[in-house]
């Protein structure tokens, strides 16, 4: 029971109970915020990993295309050089 004051005891009790509720909810809210921040960080990490993998695949595809183009051009160049030697002899 609350001590007698110039304020109605029902008011002081209700304020005290409201403060207790806020203090009681604080750990749950803090953990909720922690879980939310952790989930956001993990989602960003997964997104960044996916983007990096896509960019690596694009680079590898470009390198492969250039390599194949070089291989095809070597045959054409050697044929052209041989033909030039035949024609100039």
Protein backbone atom coordinates (compact mmCIF):
# COMPACT_ATOMS: atom_id res chain seq x y z
CA UNK A 1 0.00 0.00 0.00
CA UNK A 2 1.27 3.46 -0.85
CA UNK A 3 2.20 6.02 1.82
CA UNK A 4 -0.34 8.77 2.40
CA UNK A 5 0.46 11.88 0.33
CA UNK A 6 -1.36 14.93 -0.93
CA UNK A 7 -1.89 13.00 -4.17
CA UNK A 8 -4.51 10.31 -4.43
CA UNK A 9 -2.88 6.92 -3.75
CA UNK A 10 -4.57 5.42 -6.80
CA UNK A 11 -2.69 7.91 -9.00
CA UNK A 12 0.69 7.15 -7.46
CA UNK A 13 -0.01 3.42 -7.73
CA UNK A 14 -0.93 3.70 -11.42
CA UNK A 15 2.22 5.74 -12.19
CA UNK A 16 4.35 3.21 -10.30
CA UNK A 17 2.75 0.32 -12.18
CA UNK A 18 3.27 2.08 -15.53
CA UNK A 19 6.94 2.59 -14.72
CA UNK A 20 7.28 -1.08 -13.71
CA UNK A 21 5.73 -2.13 -17.01
CA UNK A 22 8.18 0.02 -18.99
CA UNK A 23 11.11 -1.45 -17.05
CA UNK A 24 9.73 -4.96 -17.54
CA UNK A 25 9.35 -4.51 -21.30
CA UNK A 26 12.84 -3.07 -21.81
CA UNK A 27 14.79 -6.38 -22.03
CA UNK A 28 12.36 -7.81 -24.56
CA UNK A 29 12.49 -4.67 -26.69
CA UNK A 30 16.28 -4.60 -26.51
CA UNK A 31 16.53 -8.21 -27.66
CA UNK A 32 14.02 -7.54 -30.44
CA UNK A 33 16.16 -4.64 -31.64
CA UNK A 34 19.28 -6.82 -31.49
CA UNK A 35 17.63 -9.60 -33.51
CA UNK A 36 16.36 -7.11 -36.08
CA UNK A 37 19.80 -5.52 -36.49
CA UNK A 38 21.46 -8.93 -36.77
CA UNK A 39 18.94 -10.08 -39.39
CA UNK A 40 19.51 -6.91 -41.40
CA UNK A 41 23.29 -7.34 -41.26
CA UNK A 42 23.07 -10.98 -42.36
CA UNK A 43 20.71 -10.08 -45.20
CA UNK A 44 23.14 -7.40 -46.39
CA UNK A 45 26.01 -9.87 -46.23
CA UNK A 46 24.07 -12.43 -48.29
CA UNK A 47 23.12 -9.77 -50.83
CA UNK A 48 26.72 -8.59 -51.13
CA UNK A 49 27.94 -12.17 -51.59
CA UNK A 50 25.39 -12.76 -54.35
CA UNK A 51 26.37 -9.54 -56.12
CA UNK A 52 30.08 -10.40 -55.89
CA UNK A 53 29.42 -13.87 -57.32
CA UNK A 54 27.44 -12.41 -60.22
CA UNK A 55 30.20 -9.92 -61.01
CA UNK A 56 32.82 -12.67 -60.87
CA UNK A 57 30.79 -14.80 -63.28
CA UNK A 58 30.47 -11.87 -65.70
CA UNK A 59 34.23 -11.28 -65.56
CA UNK A 60 34.94 -14.99 -66.12
CA UNK A 61 32.54 -15.07 -69.07
CA UNK A 62 34.24 -12.03 -70.63
CA UNK A 63 37.68 -13.61 -70.15
CA UNK A 64 36.49 -16.86 -71.73
CA UNK A 65 35.02 -14.99 -74.68
CA UNK A 66 38.29 -13.13 -75.24
CA UNK A 67 40.26 -16.38 -74.96
CA UNK A 68 38.08 -18.14 -77.51
CA UNK A 69 38.28 -15.15 -79.85
CA UNK A 70 42.08 -15.22 -79.54
CA UNK A 71 42.18 -18.96 -80.32
CA UNK A 72 40.01 -18.48 -83.40
CA UNK A 73 42.11 -15.55 -84.60
CA UNK A 74 45.39 -17.51 -84.26
CA UNK A 75 44.30 -20.02 -86.90
CA UNK A 76 43.23 -17.24 -89.25
CA UNK A 77 46.46 -15.31 -88.70
CA UNK A 78 48.66 -18.34 -89.30
CA UNK A 79 46.73 -19.19 -92.47
CA UNK A 80 47.12 -15.61 -93.70
CA UNK A 81 50.88 -15.61 -93.01
CA UNK A 82 51.35 -18.96 -94.75
CA UNK A 83 49.33 -17.78 -97.72
CA UNK A 84 51.37 -14.60 -97.92
CA UNK A 85 54.62 -16.58 -97.92
CA UNK A 86 53.33 -18.85 -100.69
CA UNK A 87 52.20 -15.94 -102.81
CA UNK A 88 55.40 -13.94 -102.30
CA UNK A 89 57.77 -16.79 -103.13
